[in-house]
Amino acid sequence: MTYNINEKGYYGEFGGAYIPEMLYPNVEELRQNYLKIMAEPSFKEEFDQLLKDYVGRPSPLYFAKRLSEKYNTKIYLKREDLNHTGAHKVNNTIGQILMAQRLNKTRIIAETGAGQHGVATATVCALMGLECIVYMGEIDIARQAPNVARMKMLGAEVRPALSGSRTLKDATNEAIRDWINNPVDTHYIIGSVVGPHPYPDMVARFQAIVSEEIQWQLKDKEGTTKPDYVVACVGGGSNAAGAFYHYLDDTDVKLIAVEAAGKGIHSGESAATSVLGREGIIHGSKTLLMQTNDGQITEPYSISAGLDYPGVGPMHAHLYKTGRAEFMSITDDEAMVAGLELSQLEGIIPAIESSHALAIFNQKQFKPDDIVVINLSGRGDKDLQNYIDYFKL
């Protein structure tokens, strides 16, 4: 059994492209070209060069000594927080801006929740001199003000989504509407492994640099390319897809996906899609999503703006359904405590999204010689106000 995508754009029964007819030309153009373009030597060369000189890759694989001592196991942190712009998101936006250029697109749109993908998109648009419009929920604009300021400083226009819950789902809806209205000159840079095929696969391939580096970095440090566990937080799931990618079909390596339980899985304020979700269609793909009995999408909630998405990407739906990955749910409180703990044990302030992945050690026991790699997907600068308010610092 493979956990990778098939030629029809499905992971098992999840994926596909469920799109309005008006979007078909855009999505089809991308589908027909993305693998060819990614295989071109000139594309690979430019992508690798920018990751190295602009993003600052490879990101270090850091042995967290004090954290490891506390939990009596070997904990390594993949330091995506050290990338330019502060998160893993830029790996994908670099790849997609190069893709857009080769498809002769001059206008870029994106959606963002926590703002990290918006910043990463605005960054590459500034780098390449392309027009940039970022859709962001009105509520997220308020709670992620520093990132909004960064996007504007980088020359992007930030458009608020005023409908629904005014968060990530609604920003995505607005971006899709824009794309339908501007099919010829516009490329939509989706920030996660969601959306119609080929997006989940394309984004996963751009993020796969993460697991590619983990393999040789771990070989250097531990004499093996395989950790016992790879752990990552999952909203839509792009950082997890990148960290899992080269290990998907290697069942010696256990995968742990960590979702946001918000105020408790069954509190009515949660984003634990694996537990609460059922099969359905969202933003152009078949996946697991939180919905009412009559199929209306229920509002997700998490203290972290990047994890409150009502579904997961189709790769993760498949990993969950087949049992290939273990899914864990972490509450706001558990995540915040884990974020403070990493700050005070290792001198690294993590994004609240990443803090969810760090919080699993109070729920799950590991053996002393287990190698546990956690994808530290982003840095906590954007979340300082949340930390300050929560801990009354």
Protein backbone atom coordinates (compact mmCIF):
# COMPACT_ATOMS: atom_id res chain seq x y z
CA MET A 1 0.00 0.00 0.00
CA THR A 2 1.25 3.48 -0.80
CA TYR A 3 0.45 6.59 1.19
CA ASN A 4 1.42 8.85 -1.69
CA ILE A 5 -0.94 10.38 -4.22
CA ASN A 6 -2.10 8.35 -7.25
CA GLU A 7 -2.18 9.55 -10.86
CA LYS A 8 -5.83 10.63 -10.51
CA GLY A 9 -5.00 12.97 -7.64
CA TYR A 10 -6.27 10.81 -4.77
CA TYR A 11 -4.75 9.58 -1.52
CA GLY A 12 -6.82 6.43 -1.13
CA GLU A 13 -10.38 7.73 -1.29
CA PHE A 14 -9.47 11.34 -0.46
CA GLY A 15 -8.46 14.20 -2.76
CA GLY A 16 -9.58 14.91 -6.31
CA ALA A 17 -10.71 18.21 -7.78
CA TYR A 18 -14.31 19.14 -6.97
CA ILE A 19 -14.47 22.55 -8.54
CA PRO A 20 -16.90 24.88 -10.28
CA GLU A 21 -16.66 24.72 -14.04
CA MET A 22 -15.30 28.25 -14.19
CA LEU A 23 -12.20 27.15 -12.26
CA TYR A 24 -11.54 24.14 -14.44
CA PRO A 25 -9.17 25.87 -16.93
CA ASN A 26 -6.97 27.29 -14.13
CA VAL A 27 -6.70 24.04 -12.21
CA GLU A 28 -6.25 21.96 -15.34
CA GLU A 29 -3.44 24.20 -16.64
CA LEU A 30 -1.63 23.72 -13.35
CA ARG A 31 -2.29 19.97 -13.24
CA GLN A 32 -0.94 19.43 -16.74
CA ASN A 33 2.22 21.42 -16.10
CA TYR A 34 3.29 21.25 -12.46
CA LEU A 35 5.30 18.01 -12.56
CA LYS A 36 6.93 18.91 -15.90
CA ILE A 37 7.95 22.33 -14.62
CA MET A 38 9.26 20.93 -11.31
CA ALA A 39 11.39 18.43 -13.23
CA GLU A 40 13.07 21.10 -15.38
CA PRO A 41 16.76 21.49 -14.42
CA SER A 42 16.46 25.30 -14.52
CA PHE A 43 13.50 25.21 -12.12
CA LYS A 44 15.27 22.91 -9.67
CA GLU A 45 18.40 25.00 -9.81
CA GLU A 46 16.56 28.25 -9.12
CA PHE A 47 14.43 26.68 -6.36
CA ASP A 48 17.46 25.17 -4.59
CA GLN A 49 19.47 28.39 -4.95
CA LEU A 50 16.71 30.51 -3.40
CA LEU A 51 16.17 28.04 -0.57
CA LYS A 52 19.87 28.24 0.18
CA ASP A 53 20.70 31.93 -0.27
CA TYR A 54 17.36 33.58 0.43
CA VAL A 55 15.54 31.30 2.89
CA GLY A 56 18.72 30.16 4.64
CA ARG A 57 18.32 26.39 4.26
CA PRO A 58 19.17 23.81 5.39
CA SER A 59 17.41 24.58 8.66
CA PRO A 60 19.27 22.96 11.59
CA LEU A 61 18.24 19.70 13.24
CA TYR A 62 18.79 20.60 16.87
CA PHE A 63 19.14 18.13 19.73
CA ALA A 64 17.05 19.60 22.57
CA LYS A 65 19.18 18.45 25.50
CA ARG A 66 17.20 19.81 28.44
CA LEU A 67 13.84 18.88 26.95
CA SER A 68 15.18 15.37 26.25
CA GLU A 69 16.37 15.05 29.85
CA LYS A 70 13.00 16.12 31.19
CA TYR A 71 11.06 13.54 29.14
CA ASN A 72 13.77 10.85 29.13
CA THR A 73 13.94 10.37 25.37
CA LYS A 74 15.94 11.86 22.46
CA ILE A 75 14.13 14.91 21.14
CA TYR A 76 15.32 16.66 18.00
CA LEU A 77 13.78 19.88 16.73
CA LYS A 78 13.71 20.59 12.99
CA ARG A 79 14.22 24.34 13.12
CA GLU A 80 11.83 25.64 10.45
CA ASP A 81 11.41 28.65 12.74
CA LEU A 82 14.84 29.82 11.57
CA ASN A 83 13.77 30.21 7.94
CA HIS A 84 13.45 33.70 6.48
CA THR A 85 9.94 34.94 7.41
CA GLY A 86 9.86 32.71 10.50
CA ALA A 87 8.13 29.51 9.39
CA HIS A 88 8.04 26.60 6.94
CA LYS A 89 5.55 28.44 4.69
CA VAL A 90 8.24 30.10 2.56
CA ASN A 91 9.45 26.73 1.16
CA ASN A 92 6.14 26.46 -0.69
CA THR A 93 5.76 30.11 -1.73
CA ILE A 94 9.21 30.10 -3.33
CA GLY A 95 8.25 27.01 -5.33
CA GLN A 96 4.85 28.39 -6.34
CA ILE A 97 6.11 31.84 -7.38
CA LEU A 98 8.60 30.14 -9.72
CA MET A 99 5.73 27.99 -11.02
CA ALA A 100 3.55 31.10 -11.57
CA GLN A 101 6.32 32.82 -13.53
CA ARG A 102 6.71 29.82 -15.82
CA LEU A 103 2.94 29.85 -16.42
CA ASN A 104 3.18 33.59 -17.28
CA LYS A 105 0.99 34.75 -14.38
CA THR A 106 1.42 38.37 -13.29
CA ARG A 107 -0.97 38.60 -10.33
CA ILE A 108 -0.81 36.50 -7.17
CA ILE A 109 -3.57 35.85 -4.65
CA ALA A 110 -3.37 33.94 -1.38
CA GLU A 111 -5.34 33.20 1.77
CA THR A 112 -3.90 33.27 5.25
CA GLY A 113 -4.96 32.45 8.81
CA ALA A 114 -2.08 33.05 11.19
CA GLY A 115 -0.57 35.37 8.61
CA GLN A 116 2.62 33.35 8.09
CA HIS A 117 1.59 32.16 4.64
CA GLY A 118 0.45 35.68 3.78
CA VAL A 119 3.81 37.06 4.81
CA ALA A 120 5.64 34.33 2.87
CA THR A 121 3.54 35.07 -0.23
CA ALA A 122 4.02 38.85 0.08
CA THR A 123 7.75 38.19 0.48
CA VAL A 124 8.16 36.23 -2.75
CA CYS A 125 5.94 38.68 -4.66
CA ALA A 126 8.21 41.51 -3.55
CA LEU A 127 11.22 39.39 -4.55
CA MET A 128 9.82 38.81 -8.05
CA GLY A 129 7.97 42.11 -8.53
CA LEU A 130 4.47 40.65 -8.84
CA GLU A 131 1.16 42.10 -7.64
CA CYS A 132 0.00 40.45 -4.41
CA ILE A 133 -3.46 40.30 -2.80
CA VAL A 134 -3.88 38.39 0.46
CA TYR A 135 -7.31 37.45 1.81
CA MET A 136 -7.50 37.19 5.59
CA GLY A 137 -10.43 36.78 7.97
CA GLU A 138 -11.35 39.95 9.85
CA ILE A 139 -10.85 38.19 13.20
CA ASP A 140 -7.40 36.92 12.18
CA ILE A 141 -6.44 40.44 11.03
CA ALA A 142 -7.15 41.63 14.56
CA ARG A 143 -5.28 38.84 16.36
CA GLN A 144 -2.27 38.75 14.03
CA ALA A 145 -1.62 42.50 13.63
CA PRO A 146 2.20 42.23 13.34
CA ASN A 147 1.87 39.92 10.33
CA VAL A 148 -0.66 42.23 8.70
CA ALA A 149 1.83 45.09 9.07
CA ARG A 150 4.58 42.94 7.56
CA MET A 151 2.44 42.07 4.52
CA LYS A 152 1.63 45.73 3.91
CA MET A 153 5.26 46.72 4.31
CA LEU A 154 6.15 44.11 1.69
CA GLY A 155 3.74 45.77 -0.73
CA ALA A 156 0.79 43.37 -0.50
CA GLU A 157 -2.85 44.39 -0.29
CA VAL A 158 -4.61 42.67 2.61
CA ARG A 159 -8.34 42.18 1.97
CA PRO A 160 -10.55 41.24 4.94
CA ALA A 161 -13.01 38.34 4.71
CA LEU A 162 -16.17 39.59 6.41
CA SER A 163 -18.44 36.54 6.00
CA GLY A 164 -19.00 33.44 8.13
CA SER A 165 -16.59 33.05 11.05
CA ARG A 166 -14.27 35.64 9.41
CA THR A 167 -11.27 33.28 9.74
CA LEU A 168 -9.22 31.05 7.44
CA LYS A 169 -12.09 29.14 5.81
CA ASP A 170 -13.75 32.40 4.79
CA ALA A 171 -10.50 33.92 3.52
CA THR A 172 -10.11 30.82 1.33
CA ASN A 173 -13.64 31.26 -0.02
CA GLU A 174 -12.86 34.88 -0.96
CA ALA A 175 -9.62 33.89 -2.67
CA ILE A 176 -11.41 31.23 -4.74
CA ARG A 177 -14.02 33.83 -5.79
CA ASP A 178 -11.26 36.18 -6.89
CA TRP A 179 -9.61 33.39 -8.91
CA ILE A 180 -12.86 32.58 -10.70
CA ASN A 181 -13.15 36.26 -11.68
CA ASN A 182 -9.50 36.56 -12.82
CA PRO A 183 -8.67 33.25 -14.47
CA VAL A 184 -6.11 34.34 -17.06
CA ASP A 185 -3.44 36.41 -15.32
CA THR A 186 -3.79 35.16 -11.72
CA HIS A 187 -2.10 32.32 -9.83
CA TYR A 188 -3.54 31.29 -6.48
CA ILE A 189 -0.80 30.30 -4.03
CA ILE A 190 -2.57 27.95 -1.61
CA GLY A 191 -0.66 27.77 1.66
CA SER A 192 -1.45 24.25 2.79
CA VAL A 193 -1.92 20.72 1.47
CA VAL A 194 -5.59 21.48 0.80
CA GLY A 195 -7.64 22.47 -2.22
CA PRO A 196 -8.22 20.71 -5.53
CA HIS A 197 -5.60 18.41 -7.07
CA PRO A 198 -2.76 19.20 -7.87
CA TYR A 199 -2.39 21.59 -4.89
CA PRO A 200 -2.12 19.04 -2.05
CA ASP A 201 0.60 17.16 -3.94
CA MET A 202 2.41 20.25 -5.23
CA VAL A 203 2.58 21.87 -1.79
CA ALA A 204 3.70 18.58 -0.21
CA ARG A 205 6.49 18.28 -2.78
CA PHE A 206 7.75 21.80 -2.10
CA GLN A 207 7.63 21.15 1.66
CA ALA A 208 9.33 17.74 1.24
CA ILE A 209 12.67 19.56 1.58
CA VAL A 210 12.02 19.26 5.34
CA SER A 211 12.10 15.45 5.50
CA GLU A 212 14.82 15.32 2.86
CA GLU A 213 17.08 17.31 5.17
CA ILE A 214 16.02 15.36 8.28
CA GLN A 215 17.27 12.16 6.62
CA TRP A 216 20.87 13.29 6.07
CA GLN A 217 21.03 15.44 9.21
CA LEU A 218 19.98 12.51 11.38
CA LYS A 219 22.49 10.26 9.61
CA ASP A 220 25.13 12.76 10.68
CA LYS A 221 24.02 12.84 14.30
CA GLU A 222 22.69 9.34 14.99
CA GLY A 223 24.06 7.20 12.17
CA THR A 224 20.59 6.50 10.80
CA THR A 225 18.31 8.30 8.35
CA LYS A 226 15.23 7.07 10.23
CA PRO A 227 13.87 8.53 13.44
CA ASP A 228 11.51 6.38 15.49
CA TYR A 229 8.89 9.13 15.39
CA VAL A 230 8.22 12.25 13.34
CA VAL A 231 5.82 14.65 15.04
CA ALA A 232 4.12 17.72 13.55
CA CYS A 233 1.09 19.88 14.20
CA VAL A 234 -1.73 19.73 11.66
CA GLY A 235 -4.23 22.40 10.65
CA GLY A 236 -4.47 21.94 6.89
CA GLY A 237 -1.21 20.06 7.30
CA SER A 238 1.60 21.50 5.16
CA ASN A 239 4.40 21.37 7.73
CA ALA A 240 3.37 17.81 8.65
CA ALA A 241 3.25 16.80 4.97
CA GLY A 242 6.79 18.11 4.54
CA ALA A 243 8.13 16.40 7.65
CA PHE A 244 6.40 13.10 6.83
CA TYR A 245 6.99 13.09 3.06
CA HIS A 246 10.11 10.92 2.68
CA TYR A 247 8.88 8.56 5.40
CA LEU A 248 5.29 8.05 4.16
CA ASP A 249 5.84 4.52 2.85
CA ASP A 250 8.50 3.59 5.43
CA THR A 251 6.44 2.05 8.20
CA ASP A 252 9.52 1.69 10.47
CA VAL A 253 9.07 5.42 11.10
CA LYS A 254 5.98 6.25 13.14
CA LEU A 255 4.13 9.44 12.26
CA ILE A 256 2.28 11.55 14.82
CA ALA A 257 -0.06 14.32 13.67
CA VAL A 258 -1.12 16.74 16.39
CA GLU A 259 -4.40 18.63 16.09
CA ALA A 260 -5.86 21.49 18.09
CA ALA A 261 -8.47 20.36 20.61
CA GLY A 262 -9.16 24.00 21.49
CA LYS A 263 -11.11 24.15 24.74
CA GLY A 264 -11.61 20.37 24.69
CA ILE A 265 -12.45 17.91 21.90
CA HIS A 266 -16.17 17.84 22.71
CA SER A 267 -16.45 21.39 24.04
CA GLY A 268 -17.93 22.72 20.81
CA GLU A 269 -14.80 24.88 20.50
CA SER A 270 -12.23 22.64 18.86
CA ALA A 271 -10.44 21.90 15.60
CA ALA A 272 -9.80 18.18 16.15
CA THR A 273 -10.92 17.12 12.68
CA SER A 274 -9.78 13.50 12.94
CA VAL A 275 -12.08 12.89 15.91
CA LEU A 276 -14.96 15.16 14.95
CA GLY A 277 -14.79 15.07 11.16
CA ARG A 278 -16.70 13.11 8.55
CA GLU A 279 -16.05 12.69 4.86
CA GLY A 280 -17.07 15.66 2.80
CA ILE A 281 -15.95 18.23 0.26
CA ILE A 282 -14.23 21.46 1.23
CA HIS A 283 -12.36 23.93 -0.99
CA GLY A 284 -12.25 21.55 -3.92
CA SER A 285 -11.18 18.25 -2.38
CA LYS A 286 -12.76 15.27 -0.67
CA THR A 287 -11.43 14.92 2.83
CA LEU A 288 -12.42 14.75 6.50
CA LEU A 289 -14.11 17.85 7.80
CA MET A 290 -16.14 19.02 10.74
CA GLN A 291 -19.78 19.39 9.71
CA THR A 292 -23.33 19.28 10.99
CA ASN A 293 -25.66 16.36 10.27
CA ASP A 294 -26.98 18.14 7.20
CA GLY A 295 -23.48 18.83 5.87
CA GLN A 296 -22.96 22.45 6.93
CA ILE A 297 -19.35 23.12 7.91
CA THR A 298 -19.03 23.72 11.66
CA GLU A 299 -16.83 26.54 12.89
CA PRO A 300 -13.48 25.32 14.18
CA TYR A 301 -11.76 26.98 17.12
CA SER A 302 -8.16 27.08 18.34
CA ILE A 303 -6.09 29.62 20.23
CA SER A 304 -3.66 29.32 17.31
CA ALA A 305 -4.83 31.07 14.16
CA GLY A 306 -3.02 28.55 11.96
CA LEU A 307 -4.78 25.43 13.26
CA ASP A 308 -8.44 26.46 13.25
CA TYR A 309 -9.28 24.96 9.87
CA PRO A 310 -12.42 22.79 9.77
CA GLY A 311 -10.78 20.02 7.71
CA VAL A 312 -7.39 18.43 7.06
CA GLY A 313 -5.63 17.93 3.74
CA PRO A 314 -6.51 14.70 1.89
CA MET A 315 -3.07 13.18 2.60
CA HIS A 316 -3.75 13.44 6.32
CA ALA A 317 -7.32 12.15 5.98
CA HIS A 318 -5.80 9.07 4.32
CA LEU A 319 -3.06 8.72 6.95
CA TYR A 320 -5.75 8.85 9.62
CA LYS A 321 -8.18 6.46 7.98
CA THR A 322 -5.51 3.84 7.24
CA GLY A 323 -3.92 4.17 10.68
CA ARG A 324 -0.55 5.06 9.14
CA ALA A 325 -0.32 8.14 11.36
CA GLU A 326 -1.37 8.44 14.96
CA PHE A 327 -3.52 11.53 15.54
CA MET A 328 -3.39 13.30 18.89
CA SER A 329 -5.39 16.29 20.10
CA ILE A 330 -3.94 19.01 22.32
CA THR A 331 -5.93 21.72 24.09
CA ASP A 332 -5.14 25.44 24.13
CA ASP A 333 -3.94 25.16 27.72
CA GLU A 334 -1.63 22.21 27.03
CA ALA A 335 -0.14 23.97 24.00
CA MET A 336 0.49 27.24 25.82
CA VAL A 337 2.24 25.46 28.70
CA ALA A 338 4.41 23.50 26.22
CA GLY A 339 5.36 26.73 24.44
CA LEU A 340 6.45 28.34 27.70
CA GLU A 341 8.34 25.17 28.64
CA LEU A 342 10.38 25.14 25.42
CA SER A 343 11.12 28.85 25.87
CA GLN A 344 12.47 28.30 29.38
CA LEU A 345 14.23 24.97 28.83
CA GLU A 346 15.84 25.63 25.44
CA GLY A 347 15.69 29.39 24.87
CA ILE A 348 13.44 28.94 21.82
CA ILE A 349 10.02 30.65 21.71
CA PRO A 350 7.85 28.56 19.38
CA ALA A 351 4.77 29.51 17.40
CA ILE A 352 1.62 28.39 19.22
CA GLU A 353 0.95 26.03 16.28
CA SER A 354 4.27 24.24 16.93
CA SER A 355 3.61 24.25 20.68
CA HIS A 356 0.77 21.78 20.05
CA ALA A 357 3.33 19.26 18.73
CA LEU A 358 5.59 19.90 21.73
CA ALA A 359 2.75 19.16 24.16
CA ILE A 360 2.45 15.44 23.39
CA PHE A 361 5.06 14.37 25.97
CA ASN A 362 2.57 14.68 28.80
CA GLN A 363 0.19 12.33 26.98
CA LYS A 364 2.54 9.79 25.46
CA GLN A 365 5.54 7.93 26.86
CA PHE A 366 8.63 7.35 24.73
CA LYS A 367 11.54 4.98 25.33
CA PRO A 368 14.88 6.47 26.42
CA ASP A 369 16.56 5.50 23.14
CA ASP A 370 13.68 6.58 20.88
CA ILE A 371 14.62 9.30 18.39
CA VAL A 372 11.71 11.75 18.24
CA VAL A 373 11.92 14.49 15.60
CA ILE A 374 9.50 17.38 16.09
CA ASN A 375 8.95 19.78 13.24
CA LEU A 376 9.23 23.20 14.89
CA SER A 377 7.18 24.81 12.15
CA GLY A 378 7.41 28.44 13.18
CA ARG A 379 8.72 30.97 15.65
CA GLY A 380 6.69 32.66 18.34
CA ASP A 381 7.26 36.35 17.54
CA LYS A 382 3.81 36.61 15.95
CA ASP A 383 2.23 35.06 19.05
CA LEU A 384 3.90 37.11 21.78
CA GLN A 385 0.73 39.05 22.55
CA ASN A 386 -1.20 35.77 22.94
CA TYR A 387 1.48 34.43 25.29
CA ILE A 388 1.57 37.72 27.24
CA ASP A 389 -2.21 37.74 27.66
CA TYR A 390 -2.41 34.04 28.54
CA PHE A 391 0.35 33.99 31.14
CA LYS A 392 -0.18 37.61 32.25
CA LEU A 393 3.53 38.18 31.64
